[in-house]
Amino acid sequence: MADIDQAAWRQDFPIDWPQDHYVARRDFTRFLVLASLPFALVQLGIGIVNWFRRNRGRPPAKAIAPLAEIPIGGVLSFTYPDAHDPCLLLRLDDKTLRAFSQKCTHLGCAVTPNADKSCLYCPCHKGYFAVENGRPLAGPPRRPLPRITLENRDGVVYAIAVEVNAS
């Protein structure tokens, strides 16, 4: 009886079509490996390019402003290391200067100081960062803002490096 049912089933739903062919497990595994290989090579290439970008050396120092022109509690916008990287310089007190990238580490929106300048605020998703070290205080950002290393040369503030994972 089972043979008759199976034969009737095969007549209604033939499994031996000319377009069908049997795929062995080994052939399927080979296909997966060969199909995944280009993606793995692209990822390797991206990693190598990023490694070279990180290790290409420090950008040149850039003069931002004379220290006397930055008021205590003041904020100054500048770009560093190139014209497409906006940054903020904050003078917290007479001797303390902090500078951070203005791009939020969540999605790259521009951060701005809040009204009392106690923290940096990202309006896109309500992220807050500490002005002392750039660490996230609230909201979706999980990484600190990149810190710009500053140097005072003869009364002029210079940006000399970018610390990506500084805190």
N, C-alpha and C. Protein backbone atom coordinates (compact mmCIF):
# COMPACT_ATOMS: atom_id res chain seq x y z
N MET A 1 0.82 -1.19 0.00
CA MET A 1 0.00 0.00 0.00
C MET A 1 0.87 1.26 0.00
N ALA A 2 1.98 1.24 0.74
CA ALA A 2 2.86 2.40 0.79
C ALA A 2 3.48 2.66 -0.57
N ASP A 3 3.79 1.57 -1.34
CA ASP A 3 4.36 1.77 -2.67
C ASP A 3 3.37 2.42 -3.61
N ILE A 4 2.11 2.05 -3.49
CA ILE A 4 1.09 2.63 -4.36
C ILE A 4 0.90 4.11 -4.02
N ASP A 5 0.83 4.45 -2.71
CA ASP A 5 0.68 5.84 -2.31
C ASP A 5 1.87 6.68 -2.76
N GLN A 6 3.05 6.12 -2.64
CA GLN A 6 4.24 6.85 -3.04
C GLN A 6 4.25 7.07 -4.55
N ALA A 7 3.85 6.07 -5.30
CA ALA A 7 3.82 6.22 -6.75
C ALA A 7 2.79 7.26 -7.17
N ALA A 8 1.62 7.27 -6.54
CA ALA A 8 0.60 8.27 -6.85
C ALA A 8 1.09 9.67 -6.49
N TRP A 9 1.78 9.75 -5.39
CA TRP A 9 2.33 11.04 -4.96
C TRP A 9 3.35 11.55 -5.97
N ARG A 10 4.19 10.65 -6.45
CA ARG A 10 5.20 11.04 -7.44
C ARG A 10 4.56 11.45 -8.76
N GLN A 11 3.44 10.87 -9.08
CA GLN A 11 2.77 11.27 -10.31
C GLN A 11 2.18 12.67 -10.17
N ASP A 12 1.64 12.96 -9.00
CA ASP A 12 1.07 14.29 -8.79
C ASP A 12 2.14 15.37 -8.63
N PHE A 13 3.22 15.01 -7.95
CA PHE A 13 4.31 15.96 -7.68
C PHE A 13 5.63 15.32 -8.08
N PRO A 14 5.98 15.39 -9.34
CA PRO A 14 7.21 14.74 -9.76
C PRO A 14 8.43 15.48 -9.19
N ILE A 15 9.38 14.72 -8.68
CA ILE A 15 10.58 15.33 -8.12
C ILE A 15 11.75 15.25 -9.08
N ASP A 16 11.60 14.60 -10.18
CA ASP A 16 12.70 14.47 -11.13
C ASP A 16 12.46 15.37 -12.34
N TRP A 17 12.46 16.66 -12.13
CA TRP A 17 12.33 17.60 -13.22
C TRP A 17 13.69 17.80 -13.86
N PRO A 18 13.74 18.20 -15.09
CA PRO A 18 15.04 18.46 -15.71
C PRO A 18 15.78 19.61 -15.02
N GLN A 19 15.02 20.58 -14.45
CA GLN A 19 15.67 21.71 -13.81
C GLN A 19 16.23 21.34 -12.43
N ASP A 20 15.71 20.31 -11.83
CA ASP A 20 16.16 19.90 -10.50
C ASP A 20 17.42 19.08 -10.62
N HIS A 21 18.30 19.27 -9.67
CA HIS A 21 19.47 18.41 -9.57
C HIS A 21 19.83 18.29 -8.09
N TYR A 22 20.44 17.24 -7.79
CA TYR A 22 20.78 16.94 -6.41
C TYR A 22 22.03 17.73 -6.02
N VAL A 23 21.99 18.38 -4.87
CA VAL A 23 23.13 19.12 -4.36
C VAL A 23 23.66 18.38 -3.14
N ALA A 24 24.85 17.89 -3.27
CA ALA A 24 25.47 17.17 -2.16
C ALA A 24 25.89 18.15 -1.07
N ARG A 25 26.01 17.68 0.13
CA ARG A 25 26.44 18.50 1.24
C ARG A 25 27.82 19.10 0.98
N ARG A 26 28.70 18.33 0.40
CA ARG A 26 30.04 18.80 0.10
C ARG A 26 30.00 19.93 -0.94
N ASP A 27 29.15 19.79 -1.97
CA ASP A 27 29.02 20.84 -2.97
C ASP A 27 28.43 22.12 -2.36
N PHE A 28 27.46 21.94 -1.49
CA PHE A 28 26.85 23.10 -0.84
C PHE A 28 27.87 23.82 0.05
N THR A 29 28.66 23.06 0.79
CA THR A 29 29.69 23.65 1.64
C THR A 29 30.73 24.38 0.79
N ARG A 30 31.13 23.79 -0.30
CA ARG A 30 32.10 24.43 -1.20
C ARG A 30 31.53 25.75 -1.73
N PHE A 31 30.25 25.74 -2.11
CA PHE A 31 29.61 26.96 -2.58
C PHE A 31 29.62 28.05 -1.50
N LEU A 32 29.27 27.67 -0.26
CA LEU A 32 29.26 28.65 0.82
C LEU A 32 30.64 29.25 1.06
N VAL A 33 31.66 28.41 1.05
CA VAL A 33 33.02 28.90 1.27
C VAL A 33 33.43 29.83 0.14
N LEU A 34 33.19 29.43 -1.10
CA LEU A 34 33.59 30.26 -2.23
C LEU A 34 32.77 31.56 -2.31
N ALA A 35 31.51 31.50 -1.91
CA ALA A 35 30.69 32.72 -1.92
C ALA A 35 31.09 33.65 -0.78
N SER A 36 31.55 33.12 0.33
CA SER A 36 31.94 33.93 1.47
C SER A 36 33.34 34.52 1.32
N LEU A 37 34.15 33.93 0.51
CA LEU A 37 35.54 34.36 0.36
C LEU A 37 35.65 35.83 -0.08
N PRO A 38 34.91 36.30 -1.08
CA PRO A 38 35.03 37.72 -1.43
C PRO A 38 34.66 38.66 -0.28
N PHE A 39 33.64 38.31 0.49
CA PHE A 39 33.27 39.15 1.62
C PHE A 39 34.38 39.19 2.66
N ALA A 40 34.99 38.05 2.93
CA ALA A 40 36.09 38.01 3.89
C ALA A 40 37.28 38.83 3.40
N LEU A 41 37.58 38.75 2.11
CA LEU A 41 38.70 39.51 1.57
C LEU A 41 38.43 41.02 1.62
N VAL A 42 37.19 41.41 1.37
CA VAL A 42 36.84 42.84 1.47
C VAL A 42 37.00 43.31 2.91
N GLN A 43 36.54 42.51 3.87
CA GLN A 43 36.69 42.89 5.28
C GLN A 43 38.16 43.00 5.66
N LEU A 44 38.98 42.09 5.18
CA LEU A 44 40.41 42.14 5.44
C LEU A 44 41.00 43.41 4.85
N GLY A 45 40.59 43.75 3.63
CA GLY A 45 41.08 44.97 3.00
C GLY A 45 40.69 46.22 3.77
N ILE A 46 39.46 46.25 4.26
CA ILE A 46 39.01 47.40 5.06
C ILE A 46 39.84 47.51 6.33
N GLY A 47 40.11 46.38 6.97
CA GLY A 47 40.94 46.39 8.17
C GLY A 47 42.34 46.90 7.90
N ILE A 48 42.92 46.49 6.79
CA ILE A 48 44.28 46.94 6.44
C ILE A 48 44.29 48.44 6.15
N VAL A 49 43.30 48.92 5.40
CA VAL A 49 43.22 50.36 5.10
C VAL A 49 43.06 51.16 6.39
N ASN A 50 42.20 50.71 7.30
CA ASN A 50 42.02 51.42 8.57
C ASN A 50 43.29 51.40 9.40
N TRP A 51 44.03 50.31 9.37
CA TRP A 51 45.28 50.24 10.12
C TRP A 51 46.27 51.27 9.59
N PHE A 52 46.36 51.38 8.26
CA PHE A 52 47.27 52.37 7.68
C PHE A 52 46.81 53.80 7.99
N ARG A 53 45.51 54.03 8.02
CA ARG A 53 45.01 55.36 8.36
C ARG A 53 45.37 55.74 9.79
N ARG A 54 45.23 54.78 10.71
CA ARG A 54 45.55 55.06 12.11
C ARG A 54 47.03 55.28 12.32
N ASN A 55 47.86 54.63 11.54
CA ASN A 55 49.30 54.67 11.76
C ASN A 55 50.04 55.56 10.78
N ARG A 56 49.35 56.50 10.17
CA ARG A 56 50.04 57.35 9.20
C ARG A 56 50.76 58.52 9.86
N GLY A 57 50.69 58.60 11.15
CA GLY A 57 51.40 59.66 11.86
C GLY A 57 50.46 60.74 12.36
N ARG A 58 51.03 61.60 13.17
CA ARG A 58 50.26 62.70 13.73
C ARG A 58 50.06 63.79 12.69
N PRO A 59 48.90 64.43 12.74
CA PRO A 59 48.71 65.59 11.86
C PRO A 59 49.57 66.75 12.36
N PRO A 60 49.86 67.71 11.51
CA PRO A 60 50.68 68.84 11.95
C PRO A 60 49.93 69.70 12.97
N ALA A 61 50.70 70.38 13.80
CA ALA A 61 50.10 71.28 14.78
C ALA A 61 49.40 72.43 14.07
N LYS A 62 48.31 72.90 14.68
CA LYS A 62 47.54 73.99 14.07
C LYS A 62 47.22 75.02 15.15
N ALA A 63 47.54 76.28 14.86
CA ALA A 63 47.23 77.36 15.79
C ALA A 63 45.73 77.59 15.80
N ILE A 64 45.16 77.69 17.01
CA ILE A 64 43.72 77.90 17.13
C ILE A 64 43.41 79.36 17.42
N ALA A 65 43.97 79.88 18.51
CA ALA A 65 43.72 81.27 18.88
C ALA A 65 44.67 81.66 20.00
N PRO A 66 44.92 82.96 20.16
CA PRO A 66 45.68 83.40 21.33
C PRO A 66 44.87 83.12 22.60
N LEU A 67 45.55 82.70 23.63
CA LEU A 67 44.88 82.35 24.88
C LEU A 67 44.13 83.55 25.46
N ALA A 68 44.67 84.75 25.30
CA ALA A 68 44.03 85.95 25.84
C ALA A 68 42.68 86.25 25.19
N GLU A 69 42.46 85.74 23.97
CA GLU A 69 41.20 86.01 23.27
C GLU A 69 40.10 85.01 23.61
N ILE A 70 40.42 84.00 24.41
CA ILE A 70 39.42 82.99 24.78
C ILE A 70 38.96 83.31 26.20
N PRO A 71 37.73 83.79 26.38
CA PRO A 71 37.28 84.14 27.73
C PRO A 71 37.04 82.90 28.59
N ILE A 72 37.16 83.06 29.89
CA ILE A 72 36.87 81.96 30.81
C ILE A 72 35.39 81.62 30.67
N GLY A 73 35.10 80.34 30.46
CA GLY A 73 33.74 79.89 30.19
C GLY A 73 33.37 80.01 28.72
N GLY A 74 34.32 80.43 27.91
CA GLY A 74 34.05 80.63 26.48
C GLY A 74 34.23 79.35 25.67
N VAL A 75 33.65 79.37 24.49
CA VAL A 75 33.71 78.24 23.57
C VAL A 75 34.15 78.77 22.21
N LEU A 76 35.04 78.04 21.57
CA LEU A 76 35.54 78.45 20.26
C LEU A 76 35.45 77.26 19.31
N SER A 77 34.93 77.48 18.12
CA SER A 77 34.88 76.42 17.10
C SER A 77 36.12 76.52 16.22
N PHE A 78 36.65 75.36 15.84
CA PHE A 78 37.78 75.30 14.92
C PHE A 78 37.73 73.95 14.22
N THR A 79 38.58 73.77 13.23
CA THR A 79 38.66 72.49 12.53
C THR A 79 40.05 71.91 12.72
N TYR A 80 40.10 70.60 12.97
CA TYR A 80 41.37 69.90 13.13
C TYR A 80 41.11 68.41 13.01
N PRO A 81 41.88 67.63 12.35
CA PRO A 81 43.14 67.90 11.67
C PRO A 81 42.97 68.46 10.26
N ASP A 82 41.77 68.41 9.69
CA ASP A 82 41.57 69.04 8.39
C ASP A 82 40.27 69.84 8.42
N ALA A 83 39.92 70.43 7.30
CA ALA A 83 38.78 71.34 7.24
C ALA A 83 37.43 70.64 7.41
N HIS A 84 37.40 69.32 7.35
CA HIS A 84 36.14 68.58 7.45
C HIS A 84 35.91 67.97 8.83
N ASP A 85 36.74 68.32 9.80
CA ASP A 85 36.63 67.79 11.15
C ASP A 85 36.38 68.94 12.14
N PRO A 86 35.12 69.28 12.41
CA PRO A 86 34.83 70.38 13.33
C PRO A 86 35.15 69.99 14.78
N CYS A 87 35.65 70.96 15.53
CA CYS A 87 36.02 70.73 16.93
C CYS A 87 35.54 71.91 17.77
N LEU A 88 35.50 71.68 19.07
CA LEU A 88 35.14 72.72 20.04
C LEU A 88 36.26 72.87 21.05
N LEU A 89 36.63 74.11 21.34
CA LEU A 89 37.60 74.43 22.38
C LEU A 89 36.83 75.10 23.50
N LEU A 90 36.97 74.58 24.72
CA LEU A 90 36.28 75.13 25.88
C LEU A 90 37.32 75.58 26.90
N ARG A 91 37.16 76.79 27.41
CA ARG A 91 38.03 77.26 28.49
C ARG A 91 37.22 77.17 29.77
N LEU A 92 37.53 76.17 30.58
CA LEU A 92 36.74 75.90 31.78
C LEU A 92 37.07 76.85 32.92
N ASP A 93 38.36 77.15 33.10
CA ASP A 93 38.78 78.13 34.10
C ASP A 93 40.06 78.79 33.60
N ASP A 94 40.74 79.48 34.49
CA ASP A 94 41.91 80.26 34.07
C ASP A 94 43.00 79.38 33.44
N LYS A 95 43.15 78.15 33.92
CA LYS A 95 44.23 77.30 33.44
C LYS A 95 43.77 76.06 32.68
N THR A 96 42.48 75.80 32.62
CA THR A 96 42.00 74.55 32.04
C THR A 96 41.34 74.78 30.69
N LEU A 97 41.92 74.16 29.67
CA LEU A 97 41.36 74.16 28.32
C LEU A 97 41.05 72.73 27.93
N ARG A 98 39.92 72.53 27.28
CA ARG A 98 39.56 71.21 26.75
C ARG A 98 39.10 71.40 25.32
N ALA A 99 39.44 70.44 24.47
CA ALA A 99 38.98 70.48 23.09
C ALA A 99 38.55 69.07 22.69
N PHE A 100 37.43 69.00 21.99
CA PHE A 100 36.88 67.72 21.55
C PHE A 100 36.39 67.85 20.12
N SER A 101 36.31 66.71 19.46
CA SER A 101 35.67 66.68 18.15
C SER A 101 34.21 67.03 18.35
N GLN A 102 33.64 67.73 17.38
CA GLN A 102 32.25 68.15 17.51
C GLN A 102 31.29 67.09 16.98
N LYS A 103 31.81 65.98 16.46
CA LYS A 103 30.96 64.92 15.92
C LYS A 103 30.61 63.92 17.02
N CYS A 104 29.33 63.74 17.26
CA CYS A 104 28.85 62.78 18.25
C CYS A 104 29.30 61.37 17.85
N THR A 105 29.70 60.59 18.82
CA THR A 105 30.17 59.23 18.54
C THR A 105 29.02 58.27 18.27
N HIS A 106 27.79 58.71 18.41
CA HIS A 106 26.65 57.85 18.11
C HIS A 106 26.37 57.82 16.61
N LEU A 107 26.03 58.97 16.03
CA LEU A 107 25.73 59.02 14.60
C LEU A 107 26.38 60.20 13.89
N GLY A 108 27.27 60.91 14.54
CA GLY A 108 28.00 61.97 13.87
C GLY A 108 27.33 63.32 13.84
N CYS A 109 26.27 63.52 14.61
CA CYS A 109 25.63 64.83 14.67
C CYS A 109 26.54 65.80 15.42
N ALA A 110 26.31 67.09 15.23
CA ALA A 110 27.15 68.11 15.87
C ALA A 110 26.75 68.28 17.33
N VAL A 111 27.73 68.20 18.23
CA VAL A 111 27.48 68.46 19.64
C VAL A 111 27.74 69.93 19.92
N THR A 112 27.00 70.47 20.87
CA THR A 112 27.15 71.87 21.27
C THR A 112 27.13 71.95 22.78
N PRO A 113 27.73 72.99 23.36
CA PRO A 113 27.64 73.14 24.81
C PRO A 113 26.20 73.50 25.20
N ASN A 114 25.75 72.96 26.33
CA ASN A 114 24.41 73.35 26.78
C ASN A 114 24.48 74.75 27.38
N ALA A 115 23.36 75.28 27.84
CA ALA A 115 23.28 76.68 28.24
C ALA A 115 24.28 77.07 29.32
N ASP A 116 24.46 76.23 30.33
CA ASP A 116 25.39 76.58 31.41
C ASP A 116 26.79 76.02 31.18
N LYS A 117 27.03 75.42 30.03
CA LYS A 117 28.33 74.88 29.61
C LYS A 117 28.87 73.81 30.57
N SER A 118 27.95 73.11 31.24
CA SER A 118 28.38 72.04 32.14
C SER A 118 28.58 70.72 31.41
N CYS A 119 28.04 70.62 30.19
CA CYS A 119 28.22 69.42 29.39
C CYS A 119 28.01 69.75 27.92
N LEU A 120 28.37 68.81 27.07
CA LEU A 120 28.15 68.95 25.63
C LEU A 120 26.91 68.14 25.27
N TYR A 121 26.08 68.70 24.42
CA TYR A 121 24.77 68.13 24.12
C TYR A 121 24.66 67.81 22.64
N CYS A 122 24.17 66.60 22.33
CA CYS A 122 23.87 66.22 20.95
C CYS A 122 22.36 66.23 20.79
N PRO A 123 21.81 67.14 19.98
CA PRO A 123 20.36 67.26 19.87
C PRO A 123 19.69 66.14 19.07
N CYS A 124 20.44 65.38 18.30
CA CYS A 124 19.82 64.35 17.45
C CYS A 124 19.11 63.28 18.28
N HIS A 125 19.78 62.76 19.30
CA HIS A 125 19.20 61.70 20.12
C HIS A 125 19.39 61.96 21.61
N LYS A 126 19.56 63.23 21.94
CA LYS A 126 19.68 63.66 23.34
C LYS A 126 20.83 62.98 24.06
N GLY A 127 22.01 63.05 23.46
CA GLY A 127 23.22 62.54 24.10
C GLY A 127 23.94 63.66 24.83
N TYR A 128 24.49 63.33 25.99
CA TYR A 128 25.23 64.31 26.79
C TYR A 128 26.64 63.78 27.05
N PHE A 129 27.62 64.69 26.99
CA PHE A 129 29.02 64.35 27.22
C PHE A 129 29.60 65.29 28.27
N ALA A 130 30.50 64.78 29.10
CA ALA A 130 31.16 65.59 30.12
C ALA A 130 32.18 66.51 29.46
N VAL A 131 32.25 67.77 29.92
CA VAL A 131 33.22 68.70 29.34
C VAL A 131 34.63 68.45 29.88
N GLU A 132 34.75 67.75 30.99
CA GLU A 132 36.08 67.48 31.55
C GLU A 132 36.85 66.44 30.75
N ASN A 133 36.14 65.38 30.29
CA ASN A 133 36.84 64.28 29.63
C ASN A 133 36.15 63.75 28.38
N GLY A 134 35.00 64.26 28.03
CA GLY A 134 34.30 63.82 26.82
C GLY A 134 33.54 62.53 26.95
N ARG A 135 33.47 61.97 28.15
CA ARG A 135 32.74 60.71 28.35
C ARG A 135 31.23 60.93 28.23
N PRO A 136 30.53 59.92 27.70
CA PRO A 136 29.07 60.06 27.60
C PRO A 136 28.43 60.02 28.99
N LEU A 137 27.48 60.92 29.21
CA LEU A 137 26.77 60.98 30.48
C LEU A 137 25.37 60.39 30.36
N ALA A 138 24.72 60.61 29.22
CA ALA A 138 23.35 60.12 29.02
C ALA A 138 23.09 59.99 27.53
N GLY A 139 22.06 59.22 27.23
CA GLY A 139 21.68 59.05 25.83
C GLY A 139 22.34 57.84 25.19
N PRO A 140 22.18 57.70 23.88
CA PRO A 140 22.68 56.50 23.20
C PRO A 140 24.20 56.43 22.99
N PRO A 141 24.96 57.54 23.01
CA PRO A 141 26.40 57.39 22.77
C PRO A 141 27.06 56.53 23.84
N ARG A 142 27.94 55.62 23.41
CA ARG A 142 28.65 54.74 24.35
C ARG A 142 30.15 55.03 24.38
N ARG A 143 30.65 55.73 23.37
CA ARG A 143 32.08 56.02 23.31
C ARG A 143 32.31 57.50 23.61
N PRO A 144 33.44 57.84 24.22
CA PRO A 144 33.72 59.26 24.49
C PRO A 144 34.04 60.01 23.20
N LEU A 145 33.89 61.31 23.26
CA LEU A 145 34.26 62.15 22.12
C LEU A 145 35.77 62.11 21.93
N PRO A 146 36.25 62.12 20.70
CA PRO A 146 37.70 62.21 20.49
C PRO A 146 38.23 63.52 21.07
N ARG A 147 39.28 63.41 21.86
CA ARG A 147 39.86 64.58 22.51
C ARG A 147 40.98 65.14 21.64
N ILE A 148 41.03 66.45 21.55
CA ILE A 148 42.10 67.14 20.82
C ILE A 148 43.14 67.55 21.85
N THR A 149 44.38 67.11 21.65
CA THR A 149 45.46 67.48 22.56
C THR A 149 45.89 68.91 22.25
N LEU A 150 45.96 69.71 23.29
CA LEU A 150 46.29 71.13 23.14
C LEU A 150 47.65 71.44 23.73
N GLU A 151 48.24 72.51 23.22
CA GLU A 151 49.54 72.97 23.72
C GLU A 151 49.54 74.49 23.67
N ASN A 152 50.09 75.11 24.72
CA ASN A 152 50.20 76.56 24.78
C ASN A 152 51.63 76.93 24.41
N ARG A 153 51.79 77.60 23.27
CA ARG A 153 53.11 78.04 22.82
C ARG A 153 53.13 79.57 22.78
N ASP A 154 53.82 80.15 23.71
CA ASP A 154 53.97 81.61 23.77
C ASP A 154 52.62 82.33 23.74
N GLY A 155 51.67 81.83 24.49
CA GLY A 155 50.37 82.47 24.59
C GLY A 155 49.40 82.14 23.48
N VAL A 156 49.77 81.24 22.57
CA VAL A 156 48.88 80.82 21.49
C VAL A 156 48.54 79.35 21.71
N VAL A 157 47.26 79.02 21.62
CA VAL A 157 46.81 77.64 21.81
C VAL A 157 46.92 76.90 20.48
N TYR A 158 47.57 75.74 20.51
CA TYR A 158 47.75 74.89 19.33
C TYR A 158 47.07 73.55 19.55
N ALA A 159 46.46 73.02 18.50
CA ALA A 159 45.99 71.63 18.50
C ALA A 159 47.12 70.80 17.92
N ILE A 160 47.53 69.74 18.64
CA ILE A 160 48.70 68.98 18.18
C ILE A 160 48.40 67.51 17.90
N ALA A 161 47.28 66.98 18.38
CA ALA A 161 46.98 65.56 18.14
C ALA A 161 45.51 65.29 18.44
N VAL A 162 45.05 64.14 17.94
CA VAL A 162 43.69 63.68 18.22
C VAL A 162 43.80 62.36 18.96
N GLU A 163 43.19 62.28 20.14
CA GLU A 163 43.15 61.05 20.92
C GLU A 163 41.75 60.45 20.73
N VAL A 164 41.68 59.37 19.97
CA VAL A 164 40.37 58.83 19.59
C VAL A 164 39.65 58.20 20.77
N ASN A 165 40.31 57.41 21.57
CA ASN A 165 39.64 56.74 22.69
C ASN A 165 40.06 57.35 24.02
N ALA A 166 40.22 58.64 24.04
CA ALA A 166 40.63 59.32 25.27
C ALA A 166 39.44 59.46 26.20
N SER A 167 39.73 59.50 27.48
CA SER A 167 38.67 59.77 28.46
C SER A 167 39.27 60.20 29.77
